[in-house]
Every structure is written in C-alpha cells, then in structure tokens.
Amino acid sequence: MSDFEISSLSGTGPATIRVKPKAANESESNKEQVIKVIVQGVEREVTFTQKGKSQVVETWKPFLTISPDSDSYTFDGTKRLEIWEVLVYSYEQKYIGGEPQEEYRALDWTVENSLDWLNITKEIGEGNNAGKLTVKTLSYNNEYEASTYNPKERSGVIRIVSQAGTKDITIKQSPGKRTTEYGFEPTPNIPFPGVGQGSNTASIRGVKGYQYYHINGYEVAKFVKQFKITDISKTVEGTLPAPPGTDFLPYYKVWLTDYPSNISTTWVSELNCTGHLETNITWMGGTIVTYNGIINDTGSHEVQLKIRLGN
C-alpha cells in the first residue's frame, strides 16, 4: 500500500500531478515514492521522499567554573594561616536532542599543588551545586633577594582538574617585612662567687657589635659593625627581692676593667675586658646588668650591652 496520495494517474494534455504523504512519518526511516510519467512513449521517473522522525539522542555536557572567577589570588606575606575559599562548580548536564534538561550529575575534581607553603582541602558538591576549595598559607613569606636581602614575592600555580577540563590559579604571597636591629654577641657572663668568697671575676673576650636583618621576625643576615660603649666606666649596683620570711637583702655590684681606653669615644671592632662582681649571694642566676652602646651603621644606633650574672 502506497504511503502517498497521487492526484492523477492518467490524463490528456497539460496536467498537474500532486503527490503528498498520507500521514506523518512516525518511524525513524525515510519513506519513498517513485512515480513514472509516460508521455508519447517517453518515460520519466520522479522520486519523492518523506523524512523519518528525528532520532532522539541523549548526551551529557560537562562544565567547570569557579566563583569568584579569578586567575590569581595574593596572600599577605607578613601573615600565616590566611584562608581563601573558592566555590567550584564541576558537573555535567543532560541534553536530549540538543536541548538542555534540568538533570545534573556531579563530576569529581582534584587539585594539583606543589607549593609546600600552602595547604589545600576540598569538598565535592552534589549535582550542579558548588563544591568548595580552601587554600591556606602555612608560613610567613621569609624569602628574599640573595644579593640585597630585600624581601620578595613568592608564587606558584595550583590546578583544578575535572573531566570538564582544567583551571589554573596563580597563588601569590606578598613580600614579608624586613626590620633592622642591632646588638652584641656573645652575651658576657660573670658567675656568682663561691660560698664565703663575696666576689668573682670573669674574662670577657671577643664581644662584637652586629647589625641584624630580620624578615617577619626571623634572622636572615647579620653583619659585624664597629661600636662604642659610652658608659663603660660606670659601676652598676642593685638589690634583689628578699627571700620569703627573712630580713636578708641580696645585693650586687658590677664593674669592668682592662677595656680599651678609648672605647667610650672611638669606634672599636671588639671588646675584651675583665668583669667584676661583688655580692652577698651565690645563687639567683639570670640577673642582667646593662651598659649603653652605639653601633656604627650609616649613623649611630643606640643599643645595650647586656651582662648576665650567675650561671
């Protein structure tokens, strides 16, 4: 049975033949009708085609986006344990016949990270809901230029990897803060005298002045500097709290000898001297006495020479 209607099967003279499908083609296959027209013994064939119903194709399209949509983020180099959170949308959406459907499936994703100063954690979302990427700094940025000791920025790339593709994010940490400090090394020590002695002396040798570079509080360099001790001739006296339940009053007296005679007015490179301690105690270590000094570094920088009493 033909699937087409033909308006005329025969006739005389000029005529129009109309061909149309009898019904819609519900199958996925094309339907064809060939008609043959014969005029004075001359044949001509014409083929008519009714296309089949479009095939319904189901596909899934992957997506990977982040919010905020950024290619980089900068942390403060003077801080640690800072946190940056990013929403990660990694999913695939269903399409039928090229038309999107409200049906989603979450796609797993991972993070590639080779930066030892970062900690990375992640949470996977459900469907097309966002997961979460958390980036945390583990340390201060104490990096610096080798030639100048100036703090410098550090950076690296983390990569989000999903079936939908990849997303690179450059993570930076701004330069740390450099400070300059001054001091003396080593710290001299005068031990307390033995029982019944009342006084003691100590040889103090090789004390030098230093300039220190610190980045975020961490020493990165130190340099020997000339110095003066402006009040080295003074005697330092003091008392300590009386032991509970007694009238005994501990005291001490400290002075220095055998030091360079010009050290209070002229720059020197090293202090060698003798420390003297007079006291009525033989214990209570940790007491500090100080002398005022100046370090020579593009100007004069005040600093204290500390001498520790006791062992």
Protein backbone atom coordinates (compact mmCIF):
# COMPACT_ATOMS: atom_id res chain seq x y z
CA MET A 1 0.00 0.00 0.00
CA SER A 2 1.36 3.34 -1.01
CA ASP A 3 2.15 5.87 1.71
CA PHE A 4 1.50 8.70 -0.69
CA GLU A 5 -1.58 10.08 -2.40
CA ILE A 6 -1.29 10.80 -6.12
CA SER A 7 -3.87 13.17 -7.58
CA SER A 8 -3.97 11.74 -11.11
CA LEU A 9 -2.80 8.53 -12.73
CA SER A 10 -3.64 9.43 -16.33
CA GLY A 11 -4.82 12.35 -18.50
CA THR A 12 -4.65 14.25 -21.75
CA GLY A 13 -2.76 17.44 -22.47
CA PRO A 14 -1.01 19.57 -19.88
CA ALA A 15 -1.71 18.38 -16.33
CA THR A 16 -0.50 18.84 -12.76
CA ILE A 17 0.20 15.76 -10.66
CA ARG A 18 0.05 16.32 -6.92
CA VAL A 19 1.84 13.91 -4.55
CA LYS A 20 1.56 14.13 -0.77
CA PRO A 21 2.13 11.82 2.21
CA LYS A 22 -0.99 10.20 3.60
CA ALA A 23 0.20 10.71 7.19
CA ALA A 24 3.11 11.87 9.27
CA ASN A 25 6.11 9.57 9.27
CA GLU A 26 6.40 8.34 12.87
CA SER A 27 9.25 5.99 12.10
CA GLU A 28 12.92 6.95 12.10
CA SER A 29 13.31 5.68 8.50
CA ASN A 30 12.64 7.72 5.39
CA LYS A 31 9.72 6.75 3.12
CA GLU A 32 9.99 6.99 -0.65
CA GLN A 33 7.54 7.01 -3.57
CA VAL A 34 8.64 6.71 -7.18
CA ILE A 35 6.22 7.77 -9.91
CA LYS A 36 6.75 7.15 -13.60
CA VAL A 37 5.26 9.51 -16.15
CA ILE A 38 4.91 8.32 -19.77
CA VAL A 39 4.20 10.85 -22.49
CA GLN A 40 4.10 9.58 -26.10
CA GLY A 41 6.28 6.65 -25.13
CA VAL A 42 8.84 8.75 -23.30
CA GLU A 43 9.30 7.74 -19.63
CA ARG A 44 10.45 9.90 -16.74
CA GLU A 45 10.77 8.84 -13.11
CA VAL A 46 10.43 11.14 -10.13
CA THR A 47 11.26 10.05 -6.55
CA PHE A 48 9.53 11.62 -3.54
CA THR A 49 10.96 11.22 -0.02
CA GLN A 50 9.26 11.70 3.33
CA LYS A 51 11.92 12.04 6.01
CA GLY A 52 11.65 9.91 9.12
CA LYS A 53 11.19 11.22 12.61
CA SER A 54 14.38 12.77 14.03
CA GLN A 55 16.27 10.36 16.24
CA VAL A 56 16.28 11.40 19.91
CA VAL A 57 19.93 11.50 21.14
CA GLU A 58 20.78 11.77 24.83
CA THR A 59 24.09 13.42 25.69
CA TRP A 60 25.79 14.85 28.80
CA LYS A 61 27.79 18.07 28.64
CA PRO A 62 30.48 18.76 31.27
CA PHE A 63 31.02 22.15 32.96
CA LEU A 64 33.80 23.52 35.20
CA THR A 65 33.62 27.04 36.64
CA ILE A 66 34.74 28.74 39.86
CA SER A 67 33.46 31.66 41.91
CA PRO A 68 34.94 34.17 42.24
CA ASP A 69 36.15 33.64 38.69
CA SER A 70 39.77 34.62 39.18
CA ASP A 71 43.07 33.51 37.67
CA SER A 72 45.11 34.63 40.71
CA TYR A 73 44.98 35.43 44.40
CA THR A 74 47.51 37.18 46.66
CA PHE A 75 48.06 36.45 50.36
CA ASP A 76 49.76 38.79 52.86
CA GLY A 77 53.41 37.78 53.26
CA THR A 78 53.56 39.12 56.84
CA LYS A 79 50.86 36.67 57.96
CA ARG A 80 50.31 32.92 58.08
CA LEU A 81 47.24 30.68 58.29
CA GLU A 82 45.29 33.02 55.99
CA ILE A 83 42.42 31.34 54.14
CA TRP A 84 40.92 31.84 50.68
CA GLU A 85 37.77 29.92 49.74
CA VAL A 86 36.62 29.27 46.18
CA LEU A 87 33.34 27.74 45.03
CA VAL A 88 33.93 25.04 42.42
CA TYR A 89 31.16 24.01 40.02
CA SER A 90 32.11 20.70 38.42
CA TYR A 91 29.17 18.81 36.90
CA GLU A 92 27.58 17.54 33.72
CA GLN A 93 24.11 18.41 32.39
CA LYS A 94 21.79 16.18 30.42
CA TYR A 95 20.79 17.13 26.85
CA ILE A 96 18.10 15.43 24.72
CA GLY A 97 18.11 16.18 21.04
CA GLY A 98 20.41 19.11 21.74
CA GLU A 99 18.01 20.64 24.29
CA PRO A 100 19.24 21.11 27.89
CA GLN A 101 17.38 19.23 30.64
CA GLU A 102 17.17 20.05 34.35
CA GLU A 103 19.16 16.96 35.26
CA TYR A 104 22.72 17.12 36.58
CA ARG A 105 25.47 14.84 37.82
CA ALA A 106 28.42 15.97 39.94
CA LEU A 107 31.88 15.39 38.50
CA ASP A 108 34.77 14.66 40.83
CA TRP A 109 37.68 17.07 40.76
CA THR A 110 41.16 17.19 42.21
CA VAL A 111 43.78 19.87 42.87
CA GLU A 112 47.39 19.65 41.77
CA ASN A 113 49.66 21.59 44.13
CA SER A 114 53.44 21.51 44.58
CA LEU A 115 53.73 24.52 46.92
CA ASP A 116 54.92 23.44 50.37
CA TRP A 117 53.70 26.71 51.94
CA LEU A 118 50.07 26.00 51.07
CA ASN A 119 47.50 23.58 52.45
CA ILE A 120 44.66 22.57 50.12
CA THR A 121 41.35 20.99 51.12
CA LYS A 122 38.25 20.34 49.02
CA GLU A 123 34.57 19.48 49.29
CA ILE A 124 32.60 17.98 46.37
CA GLY A 125 29.14 19.42 45.66
CA GLU A 126 26.02 17.43 44.71
CA GLY A 127 24.52 17.71 41.24
CA ASN A 128 25.28 21.17 39.91
CA ASN A 129 25.72 22.61 43.40
CA ALA A 130 29.07 24.13 44.23
CA GLY A 131 31.88 22.30 45.93
CA LYS A 132 34.47 24.25 47.90
CA LEU A 133 38.21 24.68 47.55
CA THR A 134 40.02 26.03 50.62
CA VAL A 135 43.56 27.40 50.28
CA LYS A 136 45.52 28.20 53.46
CA THR A 137 49.03 29.59 53.91
CA LEU A 138 51.18 27.55 56.27
CA SER A 139 54.01 30.04 56.80
CA TYR A 140 55.13 33.64 56.55
CA ASN A 141 56.93 34.69 53.40
CA ASN A 142 60.54 34.96 54.55
CA GLU A 143 62.06 34.77 51.07
CA TYR A 144 64.49 37.47 49.97
CA GLU A 145 66.85 38.52 47.19
CA ALA A 146 70.21 36.88 47.81
CA SER A 147 72.24 39.96 46.87
CA THR A 148 70.30 42.59 48.83
CA TYR A 149 68.28 40.69 51.45
CA ASN A 150 65.23 42.60 50.27
CA PRO A 151 62.01 40.61 50.79
CA LYS A 152 60.46 39.27 47.60
CA GLU A 153 57.12 37.91 46.48
CA ARG A 154 56.71 34.17 46.04
CA SER A 155 54.16 32.45 43.84
CA GLY A 156 53.10 29.21 42.21
CA VAL A 157 50.22 27.64 40.33
CA ILE A 158 47.55 25.29 41.60
CA ARG A 159 45.44 23.42 39.05
CA ILE A 160 41.85 22.23 39.39
CA VAL A 161 41.40 19.08 37.31
CA SER A 162 37.99 17.71 36.28
CA GLN A 163 36.52 15.65 33.44
CA ALA A 164 35.23 19.01 32.22
CA GLY A 165 38.76 20.42 31.87
CA THR A 166 41.31 22.26 33.99
CA LYS A 167 41.52 25.63 35.71
CA ASP A 168 44.87 27.18 36.67
CA ILE A 169 45.08 29.69 39.54
CA THR A 170 48.27 31.57 40.38
CA ILE A 171 48.70 31.86 44.16
CA LYS A 172 50.97 34.64 45.40
CA GLN A 173 52.25 35.75 48.79
CA SER A 174 53.40 39.34 49.01
CA PRO A 175 56.91 40.17 50.34
CA GLY A 176 57.45 39.91 54.06
CA LYS A 177 58.55 42.84 56.23
CA ARG A 178 62.25 43.42 56.84
CA THR A 179 63.46 45.11 60.00
CA THR A 180 66.96 46.10 61.08
CA GLU A 181 68.18 45.55 64.64
CA TYR A 182 71.46 45.88 66.48
CA GLY A 183 73.13 44.02 69.31
CA PHE A 184 76.22 42.39 70.77
CA GLU A 185 77.44 38.78 70.71
CA PRO A 186 78.26 36.77 72.67
CA THR A 187 76.45 37.81 75.87
CA PRO A 188 79.11 38.08 78.61
CA ASN A 189 78.59 36.16 81.83
CA ILE A 190 80.01 36.70 85.32
CA PRO A 191 79.38 33.67 87.57
CA PHE A 192 78.39 34.17 91.20
CA PRO A 193 81.23 33.64 93.69
CA GLY A 194 81.57 30.53 95.77
CA VAL A 195 80.28 30.30 99.34
CA GLY A 196 82.07 32.75 101.63
CA GLN A 197 84.00 34.46 98.82
CA GLY A 198 81.88 37.59 98.26
CA SER A 199 83.30 38.45 94.83
CA ASN A 200 84.26 36.97 91.49
CA THR A 201 85.84 37.98 88.20
CA ALA A 202 85.36 36.77 84.64
CA SER A 203 87.38 37.21 81.47
CA ILE A 204 85.18 38.72 78.77
CA ARG A 205 86.52 38.12 75.26
CA GLY A 206 85.51 38.57 71.65
CA VAL A 207 82.35 40.63 72.09
CA LYS A 208 81.41 42.19 68.74
CA GLY A 209 78.72 44.58 67.54
CA TYR A 210 76.26 43.38 64.91
CA GLN A 211 73.63 44.64 62.54
CA TYR A 212 70.80 42.10 62.02
CA TYR A 213 68.31 41.79 59.18
CA HIS A 214 65.05 40.14 60.17
CA ILE A 215 62.17 39.24 57.87
CA ASN A 216 58.92 38.72 59.75
CA GLY A 217 60.99 38.35 62.92
CA TYR A 218 63.35 35.70 61.53
CA GLU A 219 67.04 36.48 61.22
CA VAL A 220 68.26 36.24 57.61
CA ALA A 221 71.62 38.01 57.87
CA LYS A 222 73.98 39.69 60.28
CA PHE A 223 77.00 41.93 59.77
CA VAL A 224 79.85 42.88 62.10
CA LYS A 225 79.84 46.60 62.92
CA GLN A 226 82.12 48.87 64.91
CA PHE A 227 80.79 50.23 68.17
CA LYS A 228 81.33 52.29 71.30
CA ILE A 229 80.38 51.62 74.93
CA THR A 230 79.70 55.13 76.17
CA ASP A 231 79.35 54.44 79.92
CA ILE A 232 81.73 51.51 80.29
CA SER A 233 83.42 53.12 83.30
CA LYS A 234 80.29 53.06 85.44
CA THR A 235 79.60 50.72 88.35
CA VAL A 236 76.22 49.05 88.33
CA GLU A 237 74.66 48.35 91.73
CA GLY A 238 71.34 46.79 92.62
CA THR A 239 69.33 44.71 95.04
CA LEU A 240 67.13 41.66 94.66
CA PRO A 241 63.93 40.73 96.49
CA ALA A 242 64.49 39.27 99.95
CA PRO A 243 63.76 35.56 100.34
CA PRO A 244 60.33 34.98 101.95
CA GLY A 245 60.35 35.08 105.75
CA THR A 246 63.81 36.66 106.06
CA ASP A 247 65.37 40.08 106.54
CA PHE A 248 68.25 39.18 104.21
CA LEU A 249 68.64 41.69 101.36
CA PRO A 250 70.63 40.38 98.37
CA TYR A 251 72.74 42.97 96.59
CA TYR A 252 75.26 43.06 93.76
CA LYS A 253 77.84 45.45 92.33
CA VAL A 254 79.35 45.09 88.87
CA TRP A 255 82.18 46.97 87.11
CA LEU A 256 84.52 46.39 84.19
CA THR A 257 88.28 46.86 83.85
CA ASP A 258 91.02 46.23 81.27
CA TYR A 259 88.89 47.52 78.40
CA PRO A 260 90.23 49.68 75.54
CA SER A 261 90.77 53.11 76.99
CA ASN A 262 89.13 54.90 74.06
CA ILE A 263 86.08 52.64 73.70
CA SER A 264 83.66 55.28 75.01
CA THR A 265 84.61 57.83 72.33
CA THR A 266 86.17 55.89 69.45
CA TRP A 267 84.80 53.14 67.23
CA VAL A 268 86.22 49.71 68.06
CA SER A 269 85.72 46.28 66.50
CA GLU A 270 85.87 44.08 69.59
CA LEU A 271 85.54 44.25 73.37
CA ASN A 272 87.96 42.36 75.59
CA CYS A 273 87.88 43.17 79.31
CA THR A 274 87.51 41.80 82.83
CA GLY A 275 84.16 41.71 84.57
CA HIS A 276 83.93 42.07 88.37
CA LEU A 277 81.04 41.02 90.59
CA GLU A 278 80.71 41.79 94.27
CA THR A 279 77.69 40.27 96.02
CA ASN A 280 76.40 38.64 99.19
CA ILE A 281 74.68 35.78 97.36
CA THR A 282 75.83 32.67 95.49
CA TRP A 283 72.65 31.94 93.54
CA MET A 284 69.75 33.59 91.72
CA GLY A 285 71.13 33.29 88.19
CA GLY A 286 69.58 35.22 85.33
CA THR A 287 70.07 38.79 86.61
CA ILE A 288 71.06 41.16 83.77
CA VAL A 289 73.03 44.40 84.03
CA THR A 290 73.40 46.73 81.05
CA TYR A 291 75.84 49.21 79.56
CA ASN A 292 74.90 51.70 76.86
CA GLY A 293 76.44 51.29 73.43
CA ILE A 294 76.29 52.75 69.93
CA ILE A 295 76.58 50.76 66.70
CA ASN A 296 78.17 52.47 63.69
CA ASP A 297 75.91 51.89 60.65
CA THR A 298 75.16 54.91 58.46
CA GLY A 299 74.64 56.87 61.63
CA SER A 300 74.65 55.95 65.30
CA HIS A 301 72.22 53.36 66.62
CA GLU A 302 71.78 53.02 70.37
CA VAL A 303 71.97 49.51 71.77
CA GLN A 304 72.66 47.92 75.14
CA LEU A 305 75.47 45.58 76.09
CA LYS A 306 73.92 43.02 78.40
CA ILE A 307 75.97 41.13 81.01
CA ARG A 308 74.41 38.13 82.69
CA LEU A 309 75.11 37.41 86.37
CA GLY A 310 75.07 33.85 87.55
CA ASN A 311 75.45 30.53 85.79
